[in-house]
Structure formats: C-alpha cells, structure tokens
Amino acid sequence: MNQLSSKFPSTQNYYMKMIFITIVVFTVVLNGNAQIAFEEGYIIKNNNQKINCLIKNKDWKNNPSQFQYKTSIDSDVYIGKLDSIKEFSVNNKLKYIRSKVKIDKSSNNLKK
C-alpha cells in the first residue's frame, strides 16, 4: 500500500495546486484587462477649444475613427469623433492631427 499511495497525489495536494492555478489565471486575466487605461492628454475641438482630459489609450495600430475620453477621473465617458475633433494627444507620446493632404496619384512607372 505504501507504493500505491506514492503514485497518486494526495487530495490535499491536488486542491492546493488547483487553488494556486486558479489564482494565477485570475491574476493574468485581471492584469490583461488593466493594460488599457485612461491616460492624461488633450483634445482640440474644431472651434480650437483645447480640453485637458483623460483619453483611453488603446495603442492604435491605425488611425482611430473615434476614441473615448473623460474630463476627470469621476466623470462620464465621452466619445470623440474625428469630424468634431481637430487633434488629440495621449501622454505627449501619441498625437493625432486631422488634416487634408494632397495625394500623388501619378504613375509608378519611372521609365517614361
């Protein structure tokens, strides 16, 4: 019986491992959700009004068409849309400026 009991884990060890794994999984999930946070920044509206605010930084890979912001930590969340916002910046690291530019549509063929 001694050999048999050493091959199978005790019930107490099994439950302790399951509790540990559960805690680790919850910690990873909670940290993953905490990565997207409201950070200090500003917006400039079409009428040139600058508003210091907190902007939800999603580390956009492409230009965003809208973003979320708060005027203070406890305020409601607003949606900033590019048709009403000229510029916004997050943490003085990211800056988005709406602008009309000319695009060169000439041929790529340089041998003409």
N, C-alpha and C. Protein backbone atom coordinates (compact mmCIF):
# COMPACT_ATOMS: atom_id res chain seq x y z
N MET A 1 0.81 -1.18 0.00
CA MET A 1 0.00 0.00 0.00
C MET A 1 0.86 1.25 0.00
N ASN A 2 2.04 1.17 0.53
CA ASN A 2 2.94 2.31 0.54
C ASN A 2 3.32 2.73 -0.87
N GLN A 3 3.59 1.77 -1.74
CA GLN A 3 3.96 2.09 -3.12
C GLN A 3 2.77 2.70 -3.85
N LEU A 4 1.59 2.24 -3.59
CA LEU A 4 0.40 2.73 -4.26
C LEU A 4 0.11 4.18 -3.87
N SER A 5 0.25 4.53 -2.64
CA SER A 5 -0.04 5.89 -2.21
C SER A 5 0.98 6.89 -2.74
N SER A 6 2.19 6.47 -3.02
CA SER A 6 3.19 7.39 -3.54
C SER A 6 2.96 7.69 -5.02
N LYS A 7 2.24 6.83 -5.74
CA LYS A 7 1.97 7.05 -7.16
C LYS A 7 0.84 8.04 -7.38
N PHE A 8 -0.07 8.17 -6.45
CA PHE A 8 -1.21 9.05 -6.59
C PHE A 8 -1.06 10.25 -5.64
N PRO A 9 -1.30 11.44 -6.16
CA PRO A 9 -1.17 12.60 -5.28
C PRO A 9 -2.28 12.62 -4.24
N SER A 10 -1.96 13.18 -3.12
CA SER A 10 -2.98 13.27 -2.08
C SER A 10 -4.03 14.29 -2.49
N THR A 11 -5.19 14.15 -1.96
CA THR A 11 -6.30 15.04 -2.28
C THR A 11 -5.96 16.47 -1.86
N GLN A 12 -5.31 16.61 -0.75
CA GLN A 12 -4.95 17.94 -0.25
C GLN A 12 -3.98 18.63 -1.21
N ASN A 13 -2.96 17.92 -1.69
CA ASN A 13 -2.02 18.50 -2.65
C ASN A 13 -2.73 18.88 -3.95
N TYR A 14 -3.65 18.05 -4.39
CA TYR A 14 -4.38 18.33 -5.62
C TYR A 14 -5.17 19.63 -5.49
N TYR A 15 -5.89 19.80 -4.39
CA TYR A 15 -6.68 21.01 -4.19
C TYR A 15 -5.80 22.24 -4.05
N MET A 16 -4.66 22.11 -3.40
CA MET A 16 -3.75 23.24 -3.27
C MET A 16 -3.21 23.67 -4.64
N LYS A 17 -2.91 22.71 -5.49
CA LYS A 17 -2.44 23.04 -6.84
C LYS A 17 -3.54 23.71 -7.65
N MET A 18 -4.77 23.23 -7.52
CA MET A 18 -5.88 23.83 -8.26
C MET A 18 -6.14 25.26 -7.79
N ILE A 19 -6.06 25.50 -6.49
CA ILE A 19 -6.25 26.86 -5.97
C ILE A 19 -5.14 27.77 -6.49
N PHE A 20 -3.92 27.29 -6.48
CA PHE A 20 -2.79 28.09 -6.97
C PHE A 20 -2.97 28.42 -8.46
N ILE A 21 -3.34 27.44 -9.26
CA ILE A 21 -3.54 27.66 -10.70
C ILE A 21 -4.68 28.66 -10.92
N THR A 22 -5.75 28.54 -10.16
CA THR A 22 -6.87 29.47 -10.28
C THR A 22 -6.45 30.90 -9.95
N ILE A 23 -5.68 31.08 -8.91
CA ILE A 23 -5.19 32.42 -8.54
C ILE A 23 -4.29 32.98 -9.64
N VAL A 24 -3.41 32.17 -10.19
CA VAL A 24 -2.53 32.63 -11.26
C VAL A 24 -3.34 33.05 -12.48
N VAL A 25 -4.33 32.25 -12.86
CA VAL A 25 -5.15 32.58 -14.04
C VAL A 25 -5.90 33.89 -13.81
N PHE A 26 -6.52 34.07 -12.66
CA PHE A 26 -7.24 35.32 -12.38
C PHE A 26 -6.30 36.52 -12.39
N THR A 27 -5.11 36.35 -11.85
CA THR A 27 -4.14 37.45 -11.85
C THR A 27 -3.76 37.85 -13.27
N VAL A 28 -3.52 36.89 -14.13
CA VAL A 28 -3.16 37.18 -15.51
C VAL A 28 -4.32 37.86 -16.23
N VAL A 29 -5.53 37.38 -16.03
CA VAL A 29 -6.70 37.97 -16.69
C VAL A 29 -6.92 39.40 -16.21
N LEU A 30 -6.83 39.63 -14.93
CA LEU A 30 -7.04 40.98 -14.41
C LEU A 30 -5.96 41.94 -14.89
N ASN A 31 -4.72 41.50 -14.95
CA ASN A 31 -3.65 42.35 -15.46
C ASN A 31 -3.83 42.62 -16.94
N GLY A 32 -4.32 41.66 -17.68
CA GLY A 32 -4.56 41.85 -19.11
C GLY A 32 -5.61 42.90 -19.36
N ASN A 33 -6.65 42.93 -18.54
CA ASN A 33 -7.71 43.94 -18.68
C ASN A 33 -7.25 45.30 -18.21
N ALA A 34 -6.29 45.37 -17.33
CA ALA A 34 -5.84 46.64 -16.77
C ALA A 34 -4.88 47.37 -17.70
N GLN A 35 -4.46 46.76 -18.78
CA GLN A 35 -3.50 47.39 -19.67
C GLN A 35 -4.08 48.59 -20.41
N ILE A 36 -5.36 48.57 -20.72
CA ILE A 36 -5.98 49.69 -21.41
C ILE A 36 -6.54 50.61 -20.34
N ALA A 37 -5.94 51.80 -20.22
CA ALA A 37 -6.34 52.72 -19.16
C ALA A 37 -6.51 54.12 -19.72
N PHE A 38 -7.20 54.95 -18.96
CA PHE A 38 -7.33 56.35 -19.31
C PHE A 38 -6.04 57.06 -18.90
N GLU A 39 -5.44 57.78 -19.82
CA GLU A 39 -4.19 58.48 -19.56
C GLU A 39 -4.36 59.97 -19.86
N GLU A 40 -3.51 60.77 -19.23
CA GLU A 40 -3.58 62.21 -19.42
C GLU A 40 -3.35 62.58 -20.88
N GLY A 41 -4.09 63.55 -21.34
CA GLY A 41 -3.95 64.01 -22.70
C GLY A 41 -4.76 65.26 -22.92
N TYR A 42 -4.98 65.58 -24.18
CA TYR A 42 -5.82 66.73 -24.51
C TYR A 42 -6.50 66.50 -25.84
N ILE A 43 -7.57 67.25 -26.06
CA ILE A 43 -8.22 67.27 -27.36
C ILE A 43 -8.36 68.73 -27.79
N ILE A 44 -8.35 68.95 -29.08
CA ILE A 44 -8.63 70.27 -29.63
C ILE A 44 -9.83 70.11 -30.56
N LYS A 45 -10.90 70.80 -30.20
CA LYS A 45 -12.13 70.71 -31.00
C LYS A 45 -12.01 71.57 -32.25
N ASN A 46 -12.99 71.46 -33.14
CA ASN A 46 -12.98 72.22 -34.40
C ASN A 46 -12.97 73.73 -34.18
N ASN A 47 -13.50 74.19 -33.05
CA ASN A 47 -13.51 75.63 -32.75
C ASN A 47 -12.24 76.08 -32.03
N ASN A 48 -11.19 75.24 -32.06
CA ASN A 48 -9.87 75.49 -31.44
C ASN A 48 -9.90 75.49 -29.92
N GLN A 49 -10.95 74.99 -29.30
CA GLN A 49 -11.02 74.88 -27.85
C GLN A 49 -10.19 73.67 -27.42
N LYS A 50 -9.20 73.92 -26.57
CA LYS A 50 -8.36 72.84 -26.05
C LYS A 50 -8.90 72.38 -24.70
N ILE A 51 -9.07 71.07 -24.55
CA ILE A 51 -9.60 70.49 -23.32
C ILE A 51 -8.60 69.47 -22.80
N ASN A 52 -8.07 69.70 -21.60
CA ASN A 52 -7.23 68.70 -20.95
C ASN A 52 -8.16 67.63 -20.40
N CYS A 53 -7.81 66.39 -20.66
CA CYS A 53 -8.72 65.29 -20.29
C CYS A 53 -7.94 64.00 -20.12
N LEU A 54 -8.65 62.94 -19.89
CA LEU A 54 -8.10 61.58 -19.80
C LEU A 54 -8.61 60.82 -21.01
N ILE A 55 -7.69 60.26 -21.79
CA ILE A 55 -8.05 59.55 -23.02
C ILE A 55 -7.73 58.08 -22.85
N LYS A 56 -8.65 57.23 -23.28
CA LYS A 56 -8.44 55.78 -23.20
C LYS A 56 -7.43 55.39 -24.27
N ASN A 57 -6.24 55.02 -23.84
CA ASN A 57 -5.15 54.70 -24.75
C ASN A 57 -5.24 53.24 -25.15
N LYS A 58 -5.54 53.00 -26.42
CA LYS A 58 -5.66 51.64 -26.92
C LYS A 58 -4.48 51.25 -27.79
N ASP A 59 -3.42 52.06 -27.79
CA ASP A 59 -2.24 51.79 -28.62
C ASP A 59 -2.65 51.41 -30.03
N TRP A 60 -3.35 52.32 -30.68
CA TRP A 60 -3.89 52.07 -32.00
C TRP A 60 -2.80 51.73 -33.00
N LYS A 61 -3.05 50.72 -33.83
CA LYS A 61 -2.12 50.38 -34.91
C LYS A 61 -2.40 51.24 -36.13
N ASN A 62 -3.64 51.65 -36.31
CA ASN A 62 -4.05 52.51 -37.41
C ASN A 62 -4.71 53.75 -36.83
N ASN A 63 -4.95 54.73 -37.67
CA ASN A 63 -5.62 55.94 -37.21
C ASN A 63 -7.01 55.60 -36.70
N PRO A 64 -7.35 56.03 -35.50
CA PRO A 64 -8.68 55.73 -34.97
C PRO A 64 -9.73 56.64 -35.59
N SER A 65 -10.94 56.13 -35.74
CA SER A 65 -12.03 56.96 -36.23
C SER A 65 -12.79 57.59 -35.06
N GLN A 66 -12.60 57.04 -33.86
CA GLN A 66 -13.16 57.60 -32.64
C GLN A 66 -12.36 57.11 -31.45
N PHE A 67 -12.55 57.76 -30.32
CA PHE A 67 -11.83 57.39 -29.10
C PHE A 67 -12.68 57.79 -27.91
N GLN A 68 -12.35 57.24 -26.75
CA GLN A 68 -13.09 57.53 -25.52
C GLN A 68 -12.26 58.46 -24.64
N TYR A 69 -12.95 59.42 -24.00
CA TYR A 69 -12.25 60.32 -23.09
C TYR A 69 -13.15 60.74 -21.94
N LYS A 70 -12.50 61.20 -20.86
CA LYS A 70 -13.20 61.71 -19.67
C LYS A 70 -12.61 63.08 -19.35
N THR A 71 -13.43 63.95 -18.82
CA THR A 71 -12.92 65.26 -18.41
C THR A 71 -12.28 65.21 -17.02
N SER A 72 -12.59 64.19 -16.24
CA SER A 72 -11.96 63.94 -14.94
C SER A 72 -12.09 62.45 -14.63
N ILE A 73 -11.43 62.02 -13.60
CA ILE A 73 -11.44 60.59 -13.24
C ILE A 73 -12.86 60.09 -12.97
N ASP A 74 -13.67 60.92 -12.33
CA ASP A 74 -15.02 60.51 -11.94
C ASP A 74 -16.10 60.86 -12.94
N SER A 75 -15.74 61.49 -14.05
CA SER A 75 -16.76 61.95 -15.00
C SER A 75 -17.24 60.81 -15.91
N ASP A 76 -18.27 61.11 -16.66
CA ASP A 76 -18.78 60.16 -17.65
C ASP A 76 -17.77 60.01 -18.78
N VAL A 77 -17.91 58.91 -19.51
CA VAL A 77 -17.05 58.66 -20.67
C VAL A 77 -17.73 59.25 -21.90
N TYR A 78 -16.98 60.03 -22.67
CA TYR A 78 -17.47 60.63 -23.90
C TYR A 78 -16.78 59.98 -25.09
N ILE A 79 -17.42 60.04 -26.23
CA ILE A 79 -16.85 59.53 -27.47
C ILE A 79 -16.39 60.71 -28.32
N GLY A 80 -15.10 60.75 -28.62
CA GLY A 80 -14.57 61.78 -29.51
C GLY A 80 -14.56 61.24 -30.92
N LYS A 81 -15.23 61.95 -31.83
CA LYS A 81 -15.28 61.53 -33.23
C LYS A 81 -14.46 62.51 -34.06
N LEU A 82 -13.82 62.01 -35.08
CA LEU A 82 -12.89 62.83 -35.84
C LEU A 82 -13.56 63.97 -36.59
N ASP A 83 -14.84 63.91 -36.83
CA ASP A 83 -15.49 65.02 -37.52
C ASP A 83 -15.64 66.25 -36.62
N SER A 84 -15.52 66.09 -35.29
CA SER A 84 -15.64 67.22 -34.38
C SER A 84 -14.33 67.53 -33.63
N ILE A 85 -13.30 66.74 -33.85
CA ILE A 85 -12.01 66.90 -33.17
C ILE A 85 -10.92 67.16 -34.21
N LYS A 86 -10.14 68.23 -34.02
CA LYS A 86 -9.02 68.52 -34.92
C LYS A 86 -7.78 67.73 -34.56
N GLU A 87 -7.58 67.56 -33.26
CA GLU A 87 -6.33 66.96 -32.79
C GLU A 87 -6.56 66.38 -31.41
N PHE A 88 -5.83 65.30 -31.13
CA PHE A 88 -5.79 64.82 -29.74
C PHE A 88 -4.44 64.17 -29.49
N SER A 89 -4.05 64.19 -28.23
CA SER A 89 -2.75 63.65 -27.84
C SER A 89 -2.91 62.87 -26.54
N VAL A 90 -2.14 61.80 -26.43
CA VAL A 90 -2.17 60.97 -25.23
C VAL A 90 -0.77 60.97 -24.62
N ASN A 91 -0.67 61.48 -23.39
CA ASN A 91 0.57 61.43 -22.63
C ASN A 91 1.76 62.09 -23.33
N ASN A 92 1.50 63.01 -24.21
CA ASN A 92 2.55 63.66 -25.01
C ASN A 92 3.44 62.66 -25.74
N LYS A 93 2.94 61.45 -25.94
CA LYS A 93 3.68 60.42 -26.69
C LYS A 93 3.00 60.15 -28.03
N LEU A 94 1.68 60.09 -28.02
CA LEU A 94 0.91 59.86 -29.24
C LEU A 94 0.18 61.14 -29.59
N LYS A 95 0.19 61.50 -30.87
CA LYS A 95 -0.50 62.70 -31.30
C LYS A 95 -1.16 62.42 -32.63
N TYR A 96 -2.44 62.70 -32.71
CA TYR A 96 -3.21 62.52 -33.93
C TYR A 96 -3.76 63.87 -34.37
N ILE A 97 -3.47 64.23 -35.60
CA ILE A 97 -3.92 65.51 -36.16
C ILE A 97 -4.71 65.22 -37.42
N ARG A 98 -5.95 65.73 -37.47
CA ARG A 98 -6.77 65.57 -38.66
C ARG A 98 -6.34 66.63 -39.66
N SER A 99 -6.08 66.19 -40.88
CA SER A 99 -5.61 67.13 -41.89
C SER A 99 -6.00 66.64 -43.27
N LYS A 100 -6.22 67.59 -44.18
CA LYS A 100 -6.45 67.25 -45.58
C LYS A 100 -5.12 67.41 -46.30
N VAL A 101 -4.75 66.39 -47.02
CA VAL A 101 -3.48 66.42 -47.76
C VAL A 101 -3.73 66.00 -49.19
N LYS A 102 -2.85 66.45 -50.06
CA LYS A 102 -2.91 66.03 -51.45
C LYS A 102 -2.15 64.71 -51.58
N ILE A 103 -2.71 63.82 -52.38
CA ILE A 103 -2.09 62.52 -52.60
C ILE A 103 -1.61 62.46 -54.04
N ASP A 104 -0.37 62.08 -54.22
CA ASP A 104 0.21 61.95 -55.55
C ASP A 104 -0.33 60.67 -56.19
N LYS A 105 -1.09 60.83 -57.27
CA LYS A 105 -1.68 59.67 -57.96
C LYS A 105 -0.99 59.42 -59.29
N SER A 106 0.21 59.93 -59.43
CA SER A 106 0.93 59.72 -60.70
C SER A 106 1.38 58.27 -60.81
N SER A 107 1.78 57.91 -61.99
CA SER A 107 2.19 56.54 -62.27
C SER A 107 3.47 56.18 -61.52
N ASN A 108 3.58 54.92 -61.21
CA ASN A 108 4.81 54.42 -60.60
C ASN A 108 5.87 54.11 -61.65
N ASN A 109 5.50 54.16 -62.92
CA ASN A 109 6.41 53.84 -63.99
C ASN A 109 7.35 55.03 -64.20
N LEU A 110 8.62 54.88 -63.84
CA LEU A 110 9.58 55.97 -63.92
C LEU A 110 10.34 55.98 -65.26
N LYS A 111 10.07 55.03 -66.12
CA LYS A 111 10.78 54.91 -67.39
C LYS A 111 10.12 55.69 -68.51
N LYS A 112 9.20 56.54 -68.25
CA LYS A 112 8.51 57.31 -69.30
C LYS A 112 9.37 58.36 -69.90
